[in-house]
Amino acid sequence: MVLMVGSLVVALLVLFWLWSILKTTFQTALLVAIVVFALQWLTGLGPLEVMGAIRQQIVDQFIERKPDRPPESGKSLRFGREYPVVF
């Protein structure tokens, strides 16, 4: 009997914890949706323009990244004969 009551208490605690997480998740999702729709309405930008801007930022930062500074010609180490490593 004690084991059954204990398992029921644990099950209820897990249920309330899960309900709390789901409630917070839905509130956050609703808030994000409201902000996105408000910005969309205020600026007139559609989802294609927003995704295009995000895609362009990703391409600019990660794919076509230029080096921060040019390599210095006097400080190179050679590993093998063909591949110089510049620090």
N, C-alpha and C. Protein backbone atom coordinates (compact mmCIF):
# COMPACT_ATOMS: atom_id res chain seq x y z
N MET A 1 0.82 -1.19 0.00
CA MET A 1 0.00 0.00 0.00
C MET A 1 0.87 1.26 0.00
N VAL A 2 1.93 1.25 0.81
CA VAL A 2 2.81 2.40 0.91
C VAL A 2 3.52 2.63 -0.42
N LEU A 3 3.91 1.54 -1.06
CA LEU A 3 4.59 1.64 -2.35
C LEU A 3 3.66 2.23 -3.40
N MET A 4 2.40 1.88 -3.37
CA MET A 4 1.43 2.41 -4.33
C MET A 4 1.21 3.91 -4.11
N VAL A 5 1.11 4.34 -2.87
CA VAL A 5 0.93 5.76 -2.57
C VAL A 5 2.17 6.54 -2.97
N GLY A 6 3.34 6.00 -2.71
CA GLY A 6 4.59 6.65 -3.08
C GLY A 6 4.72 6.80 -4.60
N SER A 7 4.36 5.76 -5.33
CA SER A 7 4.44 5.84 -6.79
C SER A 7 3.41 6.81 -7.34
N LEU A 8 2.25 6.91 -6.71
CA LEU A 8 1.24 7.88 -7.13
C LEU A 8 1.72 9.31 -6.89
N VAL A 9 2.38 9.55 -5.76
CA VAL A 9 2.92 10.88 -5.46
C VAL A 9 4.00 11.24 -6.47
N VAL A 10 4.90 10.30 -6.78
CA VAL A 10 5.96 10.56 -7.77
C VAL A 10 5.34 10.82 -9.15
N ALA A 11 4.34 10.05 -9.52
CA ALA A 11 3.69 10.26 -10.81
C ALA A 11 3.03 11.63 -10.89
N LEU A 12 2.39 12.06 -9.81
CA LEU A 12 1.78 13.39 -9.79
C LEU A 12 2.82 14.50 -9.86
N LEU A 13 3.93 14.33 -9.16
CA LEU A 13 5.01 15.31 -9.23
C LEU A 13 5.58 15.43 -10.64
N VAL A 14 5.77 14.29 -11.28
CA VAL A 14 6.26 14.30 -12.66
C VAL A 14 5.23 14.93 -13.59
N LEU A 15 3.97 14.67 -13.38
CA LEU A 15 2.92 15.25 -14.20
C LEU A 15 2.87 16.77 -14.05
N PHE A 16 2.97 17.27 -12.82
CA PHE A 16 2.96 18.72 -12.62
C PHE A 16 4.22 19.37 -13.20
N TRP A 17 5.36 18.68 -13.08
CA TRP A 17 6.60 19.20 -13.65
C TRP A 17 6.49 19.27 -15.17
N LEU A 18 5.95 18.23 -15.79
CA LEU A 18 5.76 18.21 -17.24
C LEU A 18 4.78 19.30 -17.67
N TRP A 19 3.72 19.48 -16.92
CA TRP A 19 2.74 20.53 -17.24
C TRP A 19 3.39 21.91 -17.17
N SER A 20 4.23 22.13 -16.19
CA SER A 20 4.93 23.41 -16.05
C SER A 20 5.84 23.66 -17.24
N ILE A 21 6.58 22.65 -17.67
CA ILE A 21 7.47 22.79 -18.82
C ILE A 21 6.68 23.06 -20.09
N LEU A 22 5.60 22.32 -20.30
CA LEU A 22 4.79 22.53 -21.50
C LEU A 22 4.14 23.91 -21.52
N LYS A 23 3.69 24.37 -20.37
CA LYS A 23 3.06 25.68 -20.29
C LYS A 23 4.08 26.77 -20.62
N THR A 24 5.28 26.66 -20.09
CA THR A 24 6.33 27.63 -20.38
C THR A 24 6.72 27.59 -21.84
N THR A 25 6.80 26.41 -22.42
CA THR A 25 7.15 26.26 -23.84
C THR A 25 6.11 26.92 -24.72
N PHE A 26 4.85 26.68 -24.45
CA PHE A 26 3.79 27.28 -25.26
C PHE A 26 3.73 28.80 -25.09
N GLN A 27 3.98 29.29 -23.89
CA GLN A 27 4.00 30.73 -23.68
C GLN A 27 5.14 31.38 -24.47
N THR A 28 6.29 30.74 -24.46
CA THR A 28 7.43 31.27 -25.21
C THR A 28 7.17 31.23 -26.71
N ALA A 29 6.62 30.13 -27.19
CA ALA A 29 6.32 30.02 -28.62
C ALA A 29 5.29 31.06 -29.03
N LEU A 30 4.29 31.29 -28.21
CA LEU A 30 3.27 32.29 -28.51
C LEU A 30 3.87 33.69 -28.51
N LEU A 31 4.75 33.98 -27.56
CA LEU A 31 5.40 35.28 -27.51
C LEU A 31 6.28 35.52 -28.74
N VAL A 32 7.03 34.52 -29.15
CA VAL A 32 7.87 34.64 -30.35
C VAL A 32 7.00 34.86 -31.58
N ALA A 33 5.92 34.13 -31.70
CA ALA A 33 5.02 34.30 -32.84
C ALA A 33 4.42 35.69 -32.87
N ILE A 34 4.02 36.22 -31.73
CA ILE A 34 3.45 37.57 -31.67
C ILE A 34 4.49 38.61 -32.08
N VAL A 35 5.73 38.46 -31.58
CA VAL A 35 6.78 39.41 -31.94
C VAL A 35 7.08 39.34 -33.43
N VAL A 36 7.17 38.13 -33.99
CA VAL A 36 7.46 37.98 -35.43
C VAL A 36 6.34 38.59 -36.26
N PHE A 37 5.10 38.32 -35.92
CA PHE A 37 4.00 38.89 -36.69
C PHE A 37 3.92 40.40 -36.54
N ALA A 38 4.22 40.92 -35.35
CA ALA A 38 4.22 42.37 -35.16
C ALA A 38 5.31 43.03 -35.99
N LEU A 39 6.50 42.47 -35.99
CA LEU A 39 7.57 43.02 -36.82
C LEU A 39 7.24 42.91 -38.30
N GLN A 40 6.63 41.82 -38.67
CA GLN A 40 6.24 41.63 -40.06
C GLN A 40 5.20 42.68 -40.46
N TRP A 41 4.27 42.96 -39.59
CA TRP A 41 3.22 43.92 -39.89
C TRP A 41 3.76 45.35 -39.90
N LEU A 42 4.66 45.65 -38.95
CA LEU A 42 5.19 47.00 -38.86
C LEU A 42 6.19 47.33 -39.97
N THR A 43 7.01 46.37 -40.35
CA THR A 43 8.04 46.63 -41.34
C THR A 43 7.62 46.26 -42.75
N GLY A 44 6.64 45.40 -42.89
CA GLY A 44 6.21 44.97 -44.22
C GLY A 44 7.09 43.90 -44.83
N LEU A 45 7.99 43.34 -44.04
CA LEU A 45 8.86 42.28 -44.54
C LEU A 45 8.15 40.94 -44.41
N GLY A 46 8.28 40.14 -45.43
CA GLY A 46 7.68 38.81 -45.39
C GLY A 46 8.69 37.77 -44.94
N PRO A 47 8.24 36.54 -44.78
CA PRO A 47 9.15 35.49 -44.31
C PRO A 47 10.27 35.20 -45.31
N LEU A 48 10.04 35.39 -46.59
CA LEU A 48 11.09 35.13 -47.57
C LEU A 48 12.23 36.15 -47.44
N GLU A 49 11.90 37.40 -47.19
CA GLU A 49 12.94 38.41 -47.00
C GLU A 49 13.74 38.16 -45.73
N VAL A 50 13.04 37.77 -44.66
CA VAL A 50 13.72 37.50 -43.40
C VAL A 50 14.66 36.30 -43.55
N MET A 51 14.18 35.22 -44.15
CA MET A 51 15.02 34.04 -44.33
C MET A 51 16.17 34.32 -45.28
N GLY A 52 15.94 35.16 -46.29
CA GLY A 52 17.02 35.54 -47.19
C GLY A 52 18.11 36.31 -46.47
N ALA A 53 17.72 37.21 -45.57
CA ALA A 53 18.70 37.97 -44.79
C ALA A 53 19.48 37.06 -43.86
N ILE A 54 18.79 36.12 -43.22
CA ILE A 54 19.47 35.17 -42.33
C ILE A 54 20.43 34.30 -43.13
N ARG A 55 19.99 33.82 -44.28
CA ARG A 55 20.84 32.99 -45.13
C ARG A 55 22.07 33.77 -45.58
N GLN A 56 21.89 35.03 -45.94
CA GLN A 56 23.02 35.84 -46.39
C GLN A 56 24.02 36.07 -45.25
N GLN A 57 23.53 36.26 -44.03
CA GLN A 57 24.42 36.42 -42.89
C GLN A 57 25.24 35.15 -42.66
N ILE A 58 24.59 34.00 -42.78
CA ILE A 58 25.30 32.73 -42.59
C ILE A 58 26.37 32.57 -43.66
N VAL A 59 26.04 32.86 -44.90
CA VAL A 59 27.01 32.75 -45.98
C VAL A 59 28.17 33.71 -45.76
N ASP A 60 27.87 34.95 -45.39
CA ASP A 60 28.92 35.94 -45.19
C ASP A 60 29.86 35.57 -44.05
N GLN A 61 29.33 35.02 -42.98
CA GLN A 61 30.15 34.77 -41.80
C GLN A 61 30.88 33.44 -41.84
N PHE A 62 30.28 32.41 -42.40
CA PHE A 62 30.86 31.09 -42.26
C PHE A 62 31.39 30.49 -43.55
N ILE A 63 30.79 30.78 -44.67
CA ILE A 63 31.19 30.12 -45.90
C ILE A 63 32.23 30.94 -46.65
N GLU A 64 32.01 32.23 -46.82
CA GLU A 64 32.93 33.06 -47.58
C GLU A 64 33.77 33.92 -46.65
N ARG A 65 34.22 33.36 -45.56
CA ARG A 65 34.97 34.13 -44.58
C ARG A 65 36.38 34.40 -45.09
N LYS A 66 36.75 35.65 -45.07
CA LYS A 66 38.09 36.06 -45.46
C LYS A 66 38.99 36.02 -44.22
N PRO A 67 40.29 35.82 -44.41
CA PRO A 67 41.18 35.84 -43.24
C PRO A 67 41.22 37.23 -42.62
N ASP A 68 41.48 37.27 -41.32
CA ASP A 68 41.49 38.54 -40.61
C ASP A 68 42.66 39.43 -41.04
N ARG A 69 43.79 38.82 -41.32
CA ARG A 69 44.95 39.60 -41.76
C ARG A 69 45.74 38.75 -42.76
N PRO A 70 46.46 39.41 -43.65
CA PRO A 70 47.25 38.63 -44.61
C PRO A 70 48.42 37.97 -43.91
N PRO A 71 48.87 36.83 -44.42
CA PRO A 71 50.00 36.16 -43.79
C PRO A 71 51.29 36.97 -43.98
N GLU A 72 52.13 36.89 -42.97
CA GLU A 72 53.41 37.58 -43.06
C GLU A 72 54.40 36.66 -43.77
N SER A 73 55.17 37.23 -44.70
CA SER A 73 56.02 36.41 -45.56
C SER A 73 57.21 35.82 -44.83
N GLY A 74 57.72 36.44 -43.78
CA GLY A 74 58.93 35.98 -43.14
C GLY A 74 58.74 34.88 -42.12
N LYS A 75 57.52 34.60 -41.71
CA LYS A 75 57.27 33.64 -40.64
C LYS A 75 56.51 32.44 -41.16
N SER A 76 57.18 31.58 -41.87
CA SER A 76 56.50 30.39 -42.36
C SER A 76 57.29 29.16 -41.96
N LEU A 77 56.60 28.11 -41.65
CA LEU A 77 57.21 26.82 -41.35
C LEU A 77 56.80 25.85 -42.44
N ARG A 78 57.69 24.99 -42.79
CA ARG A 78 57.35 24.01 -43.83
C ARG A 78 57.27 22.62 -43.22
N PHE A 79 56.16 21.98 -43.46
CA PHE A 79 55.97 20.58 -43.11
C PHE A 79 55.93 19.83 -44.42
N GLY A 80 57.00 19.15 -44.75
CA GLY A 80 57.09 18.53 -46.06
C GLY A 80 57.63 19.55 -47.04
N ARG A 81 57.43 19.34 -48.32
CA ARG A 81 57.98 20.24 -49.32
C ARG A 81 56.94 21.13 -49.97
N GLU A 82 55.67 20.75 -49.90
CA GLU A 82 54.66 21.45 -50.71
C GLU A 82 53.76 22.38 -49.90
N TYR A 83 53.62 22.18 -48.62
CA TYR A 83 52.59 22.87 -47.87
C TYR A 83 53.19 23.79 -46.81
N PRO A 84 53.38 25.07 -47.09
CA PRO A 84 53.88 25.96 -46.04
C PRO A 84 52.76 26.28 -45.04
N VAL A 85 53.10 26.36 -43.78
CA VAL A 85 52.16 26.73 -42.73
C VAL A 85 52.57 28.10 -42.22
N VAL A 86 51.67 29.07 -42.30
CA VAL A 86 51.99 30.44 -41.93
C VAL A 86 51.32 30.78 -40.62
N PHE A 87 52.08 31.32 -39.68
CA PHE A 87 51.51 31.74 -38.40
C PHE A 87 51.40 33.22 -38.35
